[in-house]
N, C-alpha and C. Protein backbone atom coordinates (compact mmCIF):
# COMPACT_ATOMS: atom_id res chain seq x y z
N UNK A 1 73.00 122.27 59.89
CA UNK A 1 74.31 122.57 60.38
C UNK A 1 74.18 123.80 61.23
N UNK A 2 75.00 123.84 62.31
CA UNK A 2 74.97 124.91 63.28
C UNK A 2 76.04 125.96 62.88
N UNK A 3 75.91 127.06 63.55
CA UNK A 3 76.89 128.19 63.30
C UNK A 3 78.03 127.90 64.21
N UNK A 4 79.30 128.23 63.61
CA UNK A 4 80.50 128.04 64.38
C UNK A 4 81.01 129.44 64.77
N UNK A 5 81.48 129.60 66.03
CA UNK A 5 81.92 130.77 66.47
C UNK A 5 83.49 130.68 66.60
N UNK A 6 84.19 131.53 65.99
CA UNK A 6 85.67 131.55 66.04
C UNK A 6 86.06 132.63 66.94
N UNK A 7 86.93 132.35 67.93
CA UNK A 7 87.44 133.41 68.78
C UNK A 7 89.00 133.24 68.79
N UNK A 8 89.63 134.35 69.08
CA UNK A 8 91.11 134.35 69.21
C UNK A 8 91.48 134.59 70.63
N UNK A 9 92.56 133.92 71.08
CA UNK A 9 93.01 134.13 72.42
C UNK A 9 93.96 135.37 72.43
N UNK A 10 93.85 136.03 73.56
CA UNK A 10 94.71 137.27 73.72
C UNK A 10 96.07 136.79 74.16
N UNK A 11 97.12 137.68 74.05
CA UNK A 11 98.48 137.23 74.45
C UNK A 11 98.56 137.03 75.91
N UNK A 12 97.78 137.73 76.67
CA UNK A 12 97.87 137.49 78.19
C UNK A 12 97.45 136.07 78.58
N UNK A 13 96.33 135.54 77.92
CA UNK A 13 95.86 134.24 78.20
C UNK A 13 96.97 133.24 77.86
N UNK A 14 97.56 133.40 76.71
CA UNK A 14 98.49 132.38 76.24
C UNK A 14 99.80 132.47 77.16
N UNK A 15 100.16 133.62 77.61
CA UNK A 15 101.41 133.67 78.48
C UNK A 15 101.14 133.14 79.77
N UNK A 16 99.91 133.34 80.31
CA UNK A 16 99.55 132.75 81.69
C UNK A 16 99.60 131.21 81.47
N UNK A 17 99.09 130.63 80.48
CA UNK A 17 99.02 129.13 80.34
C UNK A 17 100.45 128.63 80.26
N UNK A 18 101.41 129.30 79.52
CA UNK A 18 102.72 128.88 79.26
C UNK A 18 103.52 128.88 80.53
N UNK A 19 103.29 129.86 81.43
CA UNK A 19 104.05 129.91 82.72
C UNK A 19 103.56 128.91 83.60
N UNK A 20 102.33 128.51 83.65
CA UNK A 20 101.79 127.40 84.48
C UNK A 20 102.51 126.09 84.10
N UNK A 21 102.66 125.82 82.82
CA UNK A 21 103.24 124.58 82.41
C UNK A 21 104.76 124.47 82.80
N UNK A 22 105.48 125.59 82.71
CA UNK A 22 106.86 125.67 83.10
C UNK A 22 107.03 125.30 84.65
N UNK A 23 106.07 125.85 85.38
CA UNK A 23 106.13 125.59 86.90
C UNK A 23 105.95 124.13 87.11
N UNK A 24 105.00 123.48 86.45
CA UNK A 24 104.74 122.11 86.65
C UNK A 24 105.90 121.26 86.36
N UNK A 25 106.71 121.60 85.25
CA UNK A 25 107.82 120.80 84.77
C UNK A 25 108.92 120.94 85.85
N UNK A 26 109.10 122.01 86.53
CA UNK A 26 110.24 122.21 87.56
C UNK A 26 109.81 121.42 88.83
N UNK A 27 108.57 121.16 89.09
CA UNK A 27 108.18 120.47 90.32
C UNK A 27 108.36 118.97 90.27
N UNK A 28 108.95 118.35 89.32
CA UNK A 28 109.17 116.95 89.19
C UNK A 28 110.10 116.51 90.31
N UNK A 29 109.73 115.51 91.06
CA UNK A 29 110.56 114.96 92.17
C UNK A 29 111.66 114.11 91.72
N UNK A 30 112.86 114.10 92.44
CA UNK A 30 113.89 113.18 92.02
C UNK A 30 113.71 111.87 92.67
N UNK A 31 114.27 110.87 92.11
CA UNK A 31 114.17 109.46 92.67
C UNK A 31 115.03 109.34 93.92
N UNK A 32 114.53 108.54 94.85
CA UNK A 32 115.33 108.28 96.05
C UNK A 32 116.23 107.10 95.72
N UNK A 33 117.43 107.06 96.38
CA UNK A 33 118.43 106.04 96.09
C UNK A 33 117.91 104.77 96.66
N UNK A 34 118.19 103.58 95.95
CA UNK A 34 117.75 102.31 96.43
C UNK A 34 118.71 101.74 97.45
N UNK A 35 118.14 101.00 98.35
CA UNK A 35 118.94 100.41 99.47
C UNK A 35 119.38 99.09 99.09
N UNK A 36 120.63 98.69 99.40
CA UNK A 36 121.08 97.38 99.13
C UNK A 36 120.88 96.55 100.37
N UNK A 37 120.19 95.44 100.22
CA UNK A 37 119.76 94.63 101.23
C UNK A 37 120.57 93.35 101.19
N UNK A 38 121.36 93.07 102.29
CA UNK A 38 122.18 91.86 102.36
C UNK A 38 121.52 90.59 102.92
N UNK A 39 120.63 90.82 103.92
CA UNK A 39 119.91 89.72 104.47
C UNK A 39 118.62 90.15 105.09
N UNK A 40 117.66 89.24 105.22
CA UNK A 40 116.37 89.64 105.77
C UNK A 40 115.58 88.33 106.06
N UNK A 41 114.24 88.55 106.31
CA UNK A 41 113.34 87.47 106.70
C UNK A 41 112.24 87.32 105.67
N UNK A 42 111.91 86.16 105.24
CA UNK A 42 110.83 85.93 104.28
C UNK A 42 109.74 85.26 104.99
N UNK A 43 108.54 85.85 105.00
CA UNK A 43 107.27 85.33 105.56
C UNK A 43 106.42 84.86 104.47
N UNK A 44 105.94 83.61 104.51
CA UNK A 44 104.98 83.11 103.54
C UNK A 44 103.76 82.65 104.30
N UNK A 45 102.60 83.07 103.87
CA UNK A 45 101.30 82.82 104.46
C UNK A 45 100.50 82.09 103.32
N UNK A 46 100.46 80.70 103.34
CA UNK A 46 99.77 79.98 102.33
C UNK A 46 98.50 79.43 102.97
N UNK A 47 97.28 79.87 102.55
CA UNK A 47 96.02 79.39 102.93
C UNK A 47 95.40 78.64 101.87
N UNK A 48 94.18 78.25 102.15
CA UNK A 48 93.46 77.45 101.08
C UNK A 48 92.95 78.46 100.00
N UNK A 49 92.76 79.71 100.36
CA UNK A 49 92.22 80.70 99.40
C UNK A 49 93.18 81.66 98.92
N UNK A 50 94.34 81.82 99.50
CA UNK A 50 95.29 82.89 99.05
C UNK A 50 96.66 82.52 99.49
N UNK A 51 97.67 83.13 98.84
CA UNK A 51 99.05 83.06 99.22
C UNK A 51 99.69 84.44 99.25
N UNK A 52 100.32 84.72 100.41
CA UNK A 52 100.82 86.08 100.62
C UNK A 52 102.36 85.85 100.95
N UNK A 53 103.19 86.66 100.41
CA UNK A 53 104.63 86.65 100.61
C UNK A 53 105.10 88.07 101.13
N UNK A 54 105.81 88.10 102.17
CA UNK A 54 106.23 89.41 102.80
C UNK A 54 107.75 89.26 103.12
N UNK A 55 108.52 90.22 102.65
CA UNK A 55 109.96 90.20 102.93
C UNK A 55 110.31 91.39 103.78
N UNK A 56 111.07 91.20 104.89
CA UNK A 56 111.36 92.22 105.87
C UNK A 56 112.85 92.14 106.24
N UNK A 57 113.30 93.12 106.86
CA UNK A 57 114.71 93.17 107.38
C UNK A 57 114.90 92.37 108.68
N UNK A 58 116.01 92.32 109.24
CA UNK A 58 116.24 91.53 110.43
C UNK A 58 115.40 91.99 111.60
N UNK A 59 115.01 93.20 111.72
CA UNK A 59 114.20 93.73 112.76
C UNK A 59 112.73 93.41 112.58
N UNK A 60 112.38 92.97 111.39
CA UNK A 60 110.98 92.65 111.05
C UNK A 60 110.22 93.72 110.42
N UNK A 61 110.86 94.83 109.98
CA UNK A 61 110.18 95.88 109.29
C UNK A 61 109.95 95.40 107.86
N UNK A 62 108.74 95.67 107.37
CA UNK A 62 108.36 95.29 106.02
C UNK A 62 109.08 96.09 104.90
N UNK A 63 109.76 95.35 104.04
CA UNK A 63 110.38 96.00 102.86
C UNK A 63 109.53 96.01 101.63
N UNK A 64 109.02 94.83 101.35
CA UNK A 64 107.96 94.71 100.28
C UNK A 64 107.16 93.48 100.51
N UNK A 65 106.00 93.37 99.86
CA UNK A 65 105.10 92.27 100.00
C UNK A 65 104.34 92.10 98.70
N UNK A 66 103.73 90.92 98.62
CA UNK A 66 102.88 90.65 97.39
C UNK A 66 101.94 89.54 97.81
N UNK A 67 100.88 89.50 97.07
CA UNK A 67 99.91 88.30 97.27
C UNK A 67 99.43 87.85 95.96
N UNK A 68 98.82 86.73 95.89
CA UNK A 68 98.28 86.19 94.58
C UNK A 68 97.20 87.11 94.04
N UNK A 69 96.37 87.78 94.90
CA UNK A 69 95.42 88.54 94.42
C UNK A 69 95.91 89.85 93.76
N UNK A 70 97.01 90.40 94.28
CA UNK A 70 97.62 91.60 93.61
C UNK A 70 98.26 91.28 92.33
N UNK A 71 98.63 90.00 92.08
CA UNK A 71 99.21 89.65 90.85
C UNK A 71 98.22 89.30 89.71
N UNK A 72 96.89 89.29 90.12
CA UNK A 72 95.93 89.13 89.04
C UNK A 72 95.19 87.81 89.16
N UNK A 73 95.60 86.93 90.10
CA UNK A 73 94.86 85.66 90.24
C UNK A 73 93.56 85.93 90.89
N UNK A 74 92.53 85.25 90.42
CA UNK A 74 91.12 85.47 90.97
C UNK A 74 90.52 84.10 91.32
N UNK A 75 89.73 84.07 92.35
CA UNK A 75 89.04 82.88 92.72
C UNK A 75 89.91 81.77 93.31
N UNK A 76 89.67 80.53 92.89
CA UNK A 76 90.35 79.40 93.37
C UNK A 76 91.83 79.38 92.95
N UNK A 77 92.14 80.17 91.90
CA UNK A 77 93.53 80.15 91.37
C UNK A 77 94.51 80.77 92.36
N UNK A 78 94.07 81.51 93.29
CA UNK A 78 94.92 82.25 94.24
C UNK A 78 95.53 81.24 95.23
N UNK A 79 94.97 80.11 95.52
CA UNK A 79 95.46 79.12 96.45
C UNK A 79 96.29 78.11 95.84
N UNK A 80 96.63 78.14 94.53
CA UNK A 80 97.38 77.19 93.87
C UNK A 80 98.89 77.38 94.11
N UNK A 81 99.68 76.26 94.05
CA UNK A 81 101.14 76.42 94.22
C UNK A 81 101.85 77.32 93.18
N UNK A 82 101.30 77.45 91.97
CA UNK A 82 101.77 78.25 90.97
C UNK A 82 101.74 79.68 91.39
N UNK A 83 100.67 80.14 92.09
CA UNK A 83 100.50 81.52 92.56
C UNK A 83 101.60 81.94 93.51
N UNK A 84 102.11 80.90 94.23
CA UNK A 84 103.17 81.26 95.24
C UNK A 84 104.44 81.63 94.48
């Protein structure tokens, strides 16, 4: 068995660690408000190996997208109708 060395922390070290934690808590960002979408364009790209879905506004700007690969499908399963 080895020797154990017991040390005590000074009050300065403890106070420095406590202040850094308080600063981290204050730096939490607020959520942005969600946009309400009334209409848009849906693009579907279905190939033999993958299926991709993209939703955009009327100007064509991408709002969100997904593919079979990002949902966890691997290999030949990505090209199936179920993945779409």
